[in-house]
Amino acid sequence: VSWSGSRTYYADSVKGRFTISRDNAKNTV
């Protein structure tokens, strides 16, 4: 996931099943 959370990237093997996100206020992904 990009620093802003606006862009995400996935391996084909997990696309549609996994979701990445981040909360910069909590320094957590």
PDB file of all heavy atoms in Angstrom:
ATOM      1  N   VAL A   1       0.855  -1.186   0.000  1.00  0.00           N
ATOM      2  CA  VAL A   1       0.000   0.000   0.000  1.00  0.00           C
ATOM      3  C   VAL A   1       0.891   1.237   0.000  1.00  0.00           C
ATOM      4  O   VAL A   1       1.920   1.284   0.666  1.00  0.00           O
ATOM      5  CB  VAL A   1      -0.958  -0.019   1.215  1.00  0.00           C
ATOM      6  CG1 VAL A   1      -0.212  -0.053   2.533  1.00  0.00           C
ATOM      7  CG2 VAL A   1      -1.932   1.149   1.180  1.00  0.00           C
ATOM      8  N   SER A   2       0.492   2.240  -0.779  1.00  0.00           N
ATOM      9  CA  SER A   2       1.246   3.494  -0.840  1.00  0.00           C
ATOM     10  C   SER A   2       1.144   4.243   0.482  1.00  0.00           C
ATOM     11  O   SER A   2       0.317   3.912   1.348  1.00  0.00           O
ATOM     12  CB  SER A   2       0.705   4.359  -1.981  1.00  0.00           C
ATOM     13  OG  SER A   2      -0.651   4.729  -1.707  1.00  0.00           O
ATOM     14  N   TRP A   3       1.972   5.272   0.647  1.00  0.00           N
ATOM     15  CA  TRP A   3       2.013   5.976   1.916  1.00  0.00           C
ATOM     16  C   TRP A   3       0.666   6.589   2.275  1.00  0.00           C
ATOM     17  O   TRP A   3       0.279   6.646   3.444  1.00  0.00           O
ATOM     18  CB  TRP A   3       3.086   7.075   1.882  1.00  0.00           C
ATOM     19  CG  TRP A   3       2.726   8.236   1.019  1.00  0.00           C
ATOM     20  CD1 TRP A   3       2.991   8.399  -0.312  1.00  0.00           C
ATOM     21  CD2 TRP A   3       2.006   9.403   1.420  1.00  0.00           C
ATOM     22  NE1 TRP A   3       2.482   9.576  -0.765  1.00  0.00           N
ATOM     23  CE2 TRP A   3       1.869  10.221   0.283  1.00  0.00           C
ATOM     24  CE3 TRP A   3       1.450   9.837   2.623  1.00  0.00           C
ATOM     25  CZ2 TRP A   3       1.223  11.439   0.324  1.00  0.00           C
ATOM     26  CZ3 TRP A   3       0.799  11.066   2.667  1.00  0.00           C
ATOM     27  CH2 TRP A   3       0.701  11.840   1.528  1.00  0.00           C
ATOM     28  N   SER A   4      -0.092   7.019   1.258  1.00  0.00           N
ATOM     29  CA  SER A   4      -1.383   7.654   1.522  1.00  0.00           C
ATOM     30  C   SER A   4      -2.517   6.644   1.651  1.00  0.00           C
ATOM     31  O   SER A   4      -3.606   6.995   2.114  1.00  0.00           O
ATOM     32  CB  SER A   4      -1.716   8.619   0.395  1.00  0.00           C
ATOM     33  OG  SER A   4      -1.929   7.911  -0.814  1.00  0.00           O
ATOM     34  N   GLY A   5      -2.260   5.426   1.231  1.00  0.00           N
ATOM     35  CA  GLY A   5      -3.313   4.411   1.225  1.00  0.00           C
ATOM     36  C   GLY A   5      -4.152   4.429  -0.036  1.00  0.00           C
ATOM     37  O   GLY A   5      -5.050   3.599  -0.181  1.00  0.00           O
ATOM     38  N   SER A   6      -3.856   5.334  -0.944  1.00  0.00           N
ATOM     39  CA  SER A   6      -4.692   5.484  -2.133  1.00  0.00           C
ATOM     40  C   SER A   6      -4.396   4.442  -3.200  1.00  0.00           C
ATOM     41  O   SER A   6      -5.233   4.191  -4.066  1.00  0.00           O
ATOM     42  CB  SER A   6      -4.510   6.885  -2.725  1.00  0.00           C
ATOM     43  OG  SER A   6      -3.175   7.080  -3.134  1.00  0.00           O
ATOM     44  N   ARG A   7      -3.202   3.860  -3.147  1.00  0.00           N
ATOM     45  CA  ARG A   7      -2.840   2.829  -4.134  1.00  0.00           C
ATOM     46  C   ARG A   7      -2.491   1.532  -3.426  1.00  0.00           C
ATOM     47  O   ARG A   7      -1.754   1.532  -2.438  1.00  0.00           O
ATOM     48  CB  ARG A   7      -1.662   3.299  -4.985  1.00  0.00           C
ATOM     49  CG  ARG A   7      -1.987   4.479  -5.886  1.00  0.00           C
ATOM     50  CD  ARG A   7      -0.836   4.780  -6.819  1.00  0.00           C
ATOM     51  NE  ARG A   7       0.389   5.128  -6.115  1.00  0.00           N
ATOM     52  CZ  ARG A   7       0.653   6.312  -5.600  1.00  0.00           C
ATOM     53  NH1 ARG A   7      -0.217   7.299  -5.725  1.00  0.00           N
ATOM     54  NH2 ARG A   7       1.788   6.544  -4.986  1.00  0.00           N
ATOM     55  N   THR A   8      -3.042   0.461  -3.942  1.00  0.00           N
ATOM     56  CA  THR A   8      -2.760  -0.862  -3.390  1.00  0.00           C
ATOM     57  C   THR A   8      -2.319  -1.798  -4.513  1.00  0.00           C
ATOM     58  O   THR A   8      -2.678  -1.606  -5.676  1.00  0.00           O
ATOM     59  CB  THR A   8      -3.990  -1.444  -2.684  1.00  0.00           C
ATOM     60  OG1 THR A   8      -5.100  -1.475  -3.605  1.00  0.00           O
ATOM     61  CG2 THR A   8      -4.372  -0.618  -1.459  1.00  0.00           C
ATOM     62  N   TYR A   9      -1.550  -2.797  -4.137  1.00  0.00           N
ATOM     63  CA  TYR A   9      -0.974  -3.745  -5.079  1.00  0.00           C
ATOM     64  C   TYR A   9      -1.117  -5.142  -4.488  1.00  0.00           C
ATOM     65  O   TYR A   9      -0.921  -5.328  -3.285  1.00  0.00           O
ATOM     66  CB  TYR A   9       0.511  -3.446  -5.300  1.00  0.00           C
ATOM     67  CG  TYR A   9       0.809  -1.992  -5.595  1.00  0.00           C
ATOM     68  CD1 TYR A   9       0.917  -1.066  -4.560  1.00  0.00           C
ATOM     69  CD2 TYR A   9       0.978  -1.537  -6.900  1.00  0.00           C
ATOM     70  CE1 TYR A   9       1.185   0.277  -4.826  1.00  0.00           C
ATOM     71  CE2 TYR A   9       1.248  -0.206  -7.175  1.00  0.00           C
ATOM     72  CZ  TYR A   9       1.344   0.695  -6.131  1.00  0.00           C
ATOM     73  OH  TYR A   9       1.611   2.018  -6.390  1.00  0.00           O
ATOM     74  N   TYR A  10      -1.437  -6.108  -5.328  1.00  0.00           N
ATOM     75  CA  TYR A  10      -1.657  -7.469  -4.845  1.00  0.00           C
ATOM     76  C   TYR A  10      -1.023  -8.491  -5.772  1.00  0.00           C
ATOM     77  O   TYR A  10      -0.979  -8.310  -6.984  1.00  0.00           O
ATOM     78  CB  TYR A  10      -3.158  -7.772  -4.763  1.00  0.00           C
ATOM     79  CG  TYR A  10      -3.897  -6.936  -3.758  1.00  0.00           C
ATOM     80  CD1 TYR A  10      -4.563  -5.773  -4.132  1.00  0.00           C
ATOM     81  CD2 TYR A  10      -3.925  -7.294  -2.410  1.00  0.00           C
ATOM     82  CE1 TYR A  10      -5.241  -4.993  -3.205  1.00  0.00           C
ATOM     83  CE2 TYR A  10      -4.594  -6.527  -1.473  1.00  0.00           C
ATOM     84  CZ  TYR A  10      -5.248  -5.369  -1.883  1.00  0.00           C
ATOM     85  OH  TYR A  10      -5.911  -4.607  -0.953  1.00  0.00           O
ATOM     86  N   ALA A  11      -0.574  -9.580  -5.168  1.00  0.00           N
ATOM     87  CA  ALA A  11      -0.196 -10.744  -5.961  1.00  0.00           C
ATOM     88  C   ALA A  11      -1.457 -11.367  -6.532  1.00  0.00           C
ATOM     89  O   ALA A  11      -2.525 -11.331  -5.894  1.00  0.00           O
ATOM     90  CB  ALA A  11       0.541 -11.748  -5.084  1.00  0.00           C
ATOM     91  N   ASP A  12      -1.342 -11.959  -7.703  1.00  0.00           N
ATOM     92  CA  ASP A  12      -2.509 -12.574  -8.328  1.00  0.00           C
ATOM     93  C   ASP A  12      -3.122 -13.653  -7.444  1.00  0.00           C
ATOM     94  O   ASP A  12      -4.336 -13.848  -7.448  1.00  0.00           O
ATOM     95  CB  ASP A  12      -2.118 -13.178  -9.676  1.00  0.00           C
ATOM     96  CG  ASP A  12      -1.868 -12.109 -10.738  1.00  0.00           C
ATOM     97  OD1 ASP A  12      -2.292 -10.944 -10.541  1.00  0.00           O
ATOM     98  OD2 ASP A  12      -1.236 -12.448 -11.763  1.00  0.00           O
ATOM     99  N   SER A  13      -2.287 -14.333  -6.676  1.00  0.00           N
ATOM    100  CA  SER A  13      -2.757 -15.453  -5.866  1.00  0.00           C
ATOM    101  C   SER A  13      -3.686 -15.018  -4.728  1.00  0.00           C
ATOM    102  O   SER A  13      -4.410 -15.854  -4.182  1.00  0.00           O
ATOM    103  CB  SER A  13      -1.574 -16.229  -5.302  1.00  0.00           C
ATOM    104  OG  SER A  13      -0.764 -15.378  -4.505  1.00  0.00           O
ATOM    105  N   VAL A  14      -3.657 -13.737  -4.364  1.00  0.00           N
ATOM    106  CA  VAL A  14      -4.481 -13.287  -3.233  1.00  0.00           C
ATOM    107  C   VAL A  14      -5.513 -12.241  -3.648  1.00  0.00           C
ATOM    108  O   VAL A  14      -6.351 -11.843  -2.834  1.00  0.00           O
ATOM    109  CB  VAL A  14      -3.616 -12.729  -2.089  1.00  0.00           C
ATOM    110  CG1 VAL A  14      -2.563 -13.740  -1.676  1.00  0.00           C
ATOM    111  CG2 VAL A  14      -2.980 -11.401  -2.459  1.00  0.00           C
ATOM    112  N   LYS A  15      -5.441 -11.800  -4.896  1.00  0.00           N
ATOM    113  CA  LYS A  15      -6.343 -10.755  -5.359  1.00  0.00           C
ATOM    114  C   LYS A  15      -7.794 -11.198  -5.198  1.00  0.00           C
ATOM    115  O   LYS A  15      -8.159 -12.315  -5.560  1.00  0.00           O
ATOM    116  CB  LYS A  15      -6.034 -10.437  -6.821  1.00  0.00           C
ATOM    117  CG  LYS A  15      -6.435  -9.055  -7.273  1.00  0.00           C
ATOM    118  CD  LYS A  15      -5.899  -8.772  -8.662  1.00  0.00           C
ATOM    119  CE  LYS A  15      -4.399  -8.641  -8.688  1.00  0.00           C
ATOM    120  NZ  LYS A  15      -3.880  -8.283 -10.022  1.00  0.00           N
ATOM    121  N   GLY A  16      -8.609 -10.321  -4.631  1.00  0.00           N
ATOM    122  CA  GLY A  16     -10.013 -10.631  -4.398  1.00  0.00           C
ATOM    123  C   GLY A  16     -10.283 -11.307  -3.066  1.00  0.00           C
ATOM    124  O   GLY A  16     -11.439 -11.408  -2.639  1.00  0.00           O
ATOM    125  N   ARG A  17      -9.244 -11.783  -2.403  1.00  0.00           N
ATOM    126  CA  ARG A  17      -9.402 -12.430  -1.088  1.00  0.00           C
ATOM    127  C   ARG A  17      -8.770 -11.628   0.031  1.00  0.00           C
ATOM    128  O   ARG A  17      -9.268 -11.635   1.159  1.00  0.00           O
ATOM    129  CB  ARG A  17      -8.785 -13.837  -1.116  1.00  0.00           C
ATOM    130  CG  ARG A  17      -9.397 -14.763  -2.135  1.00  0.00           C
ATOM    131  CD  ARG A  17      -8.869 -16.186  -1.982  1.00  0.00           C
ATOM    132  NE  ARG A  17      -7.423 -16.272  -2.203  1.00  0.00           N
ATOM    133  CZ  ARG A  17      -6.559 -16.736  -1.300  1.00  0.00           C
ATOM    134  NH1 ARG A  17      -6.985 -17.155  -0.132  1.00  0.00           N
ATOM    135  NH2 ARG A  17      -5.265 -16.793  -1.583  1.00  0.00           N
ATOM    136  N   PHE A  18      -7.653 -10.974  -0.259  1.00  0.00           N
ATOM    137  CA  PHE A  18      -6.924 -10.206   0.753  1.00  0.00           C
ATOM    138  C   PHE A  18      -7.105  -8.715   0.495  1.00  0.00           C
ATOM    139  O   PHE A  18      -7.211  -8.275  -0.650  1.00  0.00           O
ATOM    140  CB  PHE A  18      -5.429 -10.519   0.701  1.00  0.00           C
ATOM    141  CG  PHE A  18      -5.056 -11.907   1.165  1.00  0.00           C
ATOM    142  CD1 PHE A  18      -5.989 -12.895   1.388  1.00  0.00           C
ATOM    143  CD2 PHE A  18      -3.712 -12.223   1.354  1.00  0.00           C
ATOM    144  CE1 PHE A  18      -5.628 -14.163   1.798  1.00  0.00           C
ATOM    145  CE2 PHE A  18      -3.328 -13.486   1.765  1.00  0.00           C
ATOM    146  CZ  PHE A  18      -4.282 -14.460   1.990  1.00  0.00           C
ATOM    147  N   THR A  19      -7.099  -7.944   1.584  1.00  0.00           N
ATOM    148  CA  THR A  19      -7.180  -6.491   1.476  1.00  0.00           C
ATOM    149  C   THR A  19      -6.147  -5.861   2.391  1.00  0.00           C
ATOM    150  O   THR A  19      -6.109  -6.155   3.592  1.00  0.00           O
ATOM    151  CB  THR A  19      -8.574  -5.979   1.868  1.00  0.00           C
ATOM    152  OG1 THR A  19      -9.566  -6.591   1.037  1.00  0.00           O
ATOM    153  CG2 THR A  19      -8.656  -4.467   1.697  1.00  0.00           C
ATOM    154  N   ILE A  20      -5.321  -4.990   1.817  1.00  0.00           N
ATOM    155  CA  ILE A  20      -4.329  -4.275   2.606  1.00  0.00           C
ATOM    156  C   ILE A  20      -4.833  -2.860   2.850  1.00  0.00           C
ATOM    157  O   ILE A  20      -5.460  -2.242   1.980  1.00  0.00           O
ATOM    158  CB  ILE A  20      -2.948  -4.260   1.909  1.00  0.00           C
ATOM    159  CG1 ILE A  20      -1.867  -3.705   2.842  1.00  0.00           C
ATOM    160  CG2 ILE A  20      -2.997  -3.487   0.599  1.00  0.00           C
ATOM    161  CD1 ILE A  20      -0.447  -3.893   2.312  1.00  0.00           C
ATOM    162  N   SER A  21      -4.565  -2.359   4.046  1.00  0.00           N
ATOM    163  CA  SER A  21      -4.957  -0.997   4.381  1.00  0.00           C
ATOM    164  C   SER A  21      -3.989  -0.457   5.423  1.00  0.00           C
ATOM    165  O   SER A  21      -3.190  -1.214   5.979  1.00  0.00           O
ATOM    166  CB  SER A  21      -6.393  -0.947   4.906  1.00  0.00           C
ATOM    167  OG  SER A  21      -6.512  -1.715   6.097  1.00  0.00           O
ATOM    168  N   ARG A  22      -4.065   0.835   5.677  1.00  0.00           N
ATOM    169  CA  ARG A  22      -3.169   1.420   6.676  1.00  0.00           C
ATOM    170  C   ARG A  22      -3.882   2.539   7.408  1.00  0.00           C
ATOM    171  O   ARG A  22      -4.787   3.186   6.879  1.00  0.00           O
ATOM    172  CB  ARG A  22      -1.890   1.924   6.024  1.00  0.00           C
ATOM    173  CG  ARG A  22      -2.057   3.090   5.101  1.00  0.00           C
ATOM    174  CD  ARG A  22      -0.752   3.357   4.322  1.00  0.00           C
ATOM    175  NE  ARG A  22       0.345   3.709   5.210  1.00  0.00           N
ATOM    176  CZ  ARG A  22       1.625   3.664   4.839  1.00  0.00           C
ATOM    177  NH1 ARG A  22       1.947   3.255   3.606  1.00  0.00           N
ATOM    178  NH2 ARG A  22       2.567   4.017   5.685  1.00  0.00           N
ATOM    179  N   ASP A  23      -3.427   2.756   8.639  1.00  0.00           N
ATOM    180  CA  ASP A  23      -3.909   3.852   9.461  1.00  0.00           C
ATOM    181  C   ASP A  23      -2.665   4.610   9.916  1.00  0.00           C
ATOM    182  O   ASP A  23      -1.988   4.196  10.869  1.00  0.00           O
ATOM    183  CB  ASP A  23      -4.694   3.317  10.654  1.00  0.00           C
ATOM    184  CG  ASP A  23      -5.306   4.420  11.500  1.00  0.00           C
ATOM    185  OD1 ASP A  23      -4.854   5.569  11.427  1.00  0.00           O
ATOM    186  OD2 ASP A  23      -6.236   4.114  12.257  1.00  0.00           O
ATOM    187  N   ASN A  24      -2.356   5.694   9.241  1.00  0.00           N
ATOM    188  CA  ASN A  24      -1.122   6.421   9.548  1.00  0.00           C
ATOM    189  C   ASN A  24      -1.171   7.101  10.915  1.00  0.00           C
ATOM    190  O   ASN A  24      -0.123   7.350  11.520  1.00  0.00           O
ATOM    191  CB  ASN A  24      -0.830   7.447   8.454  1.00  0.00           C
ATOM    192  CG  ASN A  24      -0.304   6.798   7.181  1.00  0.00           C
ATOM    193  OD1 ASN A  24       0.197   5.677   7.204  1.00  0.00           O
ATOM    194  ND2 ASN A  24      -0.446   7.485   6.060  1.00  0.00           N
ATOM    195  N   ALA A  25      -2.348   7.383  11.398  1.00  0.00           N
ATOM    196  CA  ALA A  25      -2.459   7.964  12.741  1.00  0.00           C
ATOM    197  C   ALA A  25      -1.991   6.964  13.800  1.00  0.00           C
ATOM    198  O   ALA A  25      -1.546   7.367  14.882  1.00  0.00           O
ATOM    199  CB  ALA A  25      -3.891   8.383  13.009  1.00  0.00           C
ATOM    200  N   LYS A  26      -2.098   5.681  13.485  1.00  0.00           N
ATOM    201  CA  LYS A  26      -1.675   4.632  14.410  1.00  0.00           C
ATOM    202  C   LYS A  26      -0.373   3.968  13.965  1.00  0.00           C
ATOM    203  O   LYS A  26       0.070   3.002  14.592  1.00  0.00           O
ATOM    204  CB  LYS A  26      -2.769   3.563  14.532  1.00  0.00           C
ATOM    205  CG  LYS A  26      -4.067   4.076  15.121  1.00  0.00           C
ATOM    206  CD  LYS A  26      -5.095   2.957  15.236  1.00  0.00           C
ATOM    207  CE  LYS A  26      -6.387   3.474  15.857  1.00  0.00           C
ATOM    208  NZ  LYS A  26      -7.402   2.393  15.974  1.00  0.00           N
ATOM    209  N   ASN A  27       0.218   4.454  12.868  1.00  0.00           N
ATOM    210  CA  ASN A  27       1.458   3.857  12.331  1.00  0.00           C
ATOM    211  C   ASN A  27       1.292   2.354  12.130  1.00  0.00           C
ATOM    212  O   ASN A  27       2.191   1.573  12.452  1.00  0.00           O
ATOM    213  CB  ASN A  27       2.645   4.125  13.266  1.00  0.00           C
ATOM    214  CG  ASN A  27       2.967   5.599  13.399  1.00  0.00           C
ATOM    215  OD1 ASN A  27       2.705   6.383  12.486  1.00  0.00           O
ATOM    216  ND2 ASN A  27       3.503   5.984  14.543  1.00  0.00           N
ATOM    217  N   THR A  28       0.158   1.951  11.606  1.00  0.00           N
ATOM    218  CA  THR A  28      -0.170   0.530  11.495  1.00  0.00           C
ATOM    219  C   THR A  28      -0.705   0.212  10.100  1.00  0.00           C
ATOM    220  O   THR A  28      -1.479   0.995   9.535  1.00  0.00           O
ATOM    221  CB  THR A  28      -1.199   0.131  12.556  1.00  0.00           C
ATOM    222  OG1 THR A  28      -0.665   0.396  13.862  1.00  0.00           O
ATOM    223  CG2 THR A  28      -1.533  -1.356  12.457  1.00  0.00           C
ATOM    224  N   VAL A  29      -0.277  -0.939   9.591  1.00  0.00           N
ATOM    225  CA  VAL A  29      -0.815  -1.465   8.345  1.00  0.00           C
ATOM    226  C   VAL A  29      -1.483  -2.809   8.635  1.00  0.00           C
ATOM    227  O   VAL A  29      -1.061  -3.535   9.533  1.00  0.00           O
ATOM    228  CB  VAL A  29       0.293  -1.621   7.274  1.00  0.00           C
ATOM    229  CG1 VAL A  29       1.338  -2.634   7.703  1.00  0.00           C
ATOM    230  CG2 VAL A  29      -0.285  -1.993   5.930  1.00  0.00           C
TER     231      VAL A  29
END
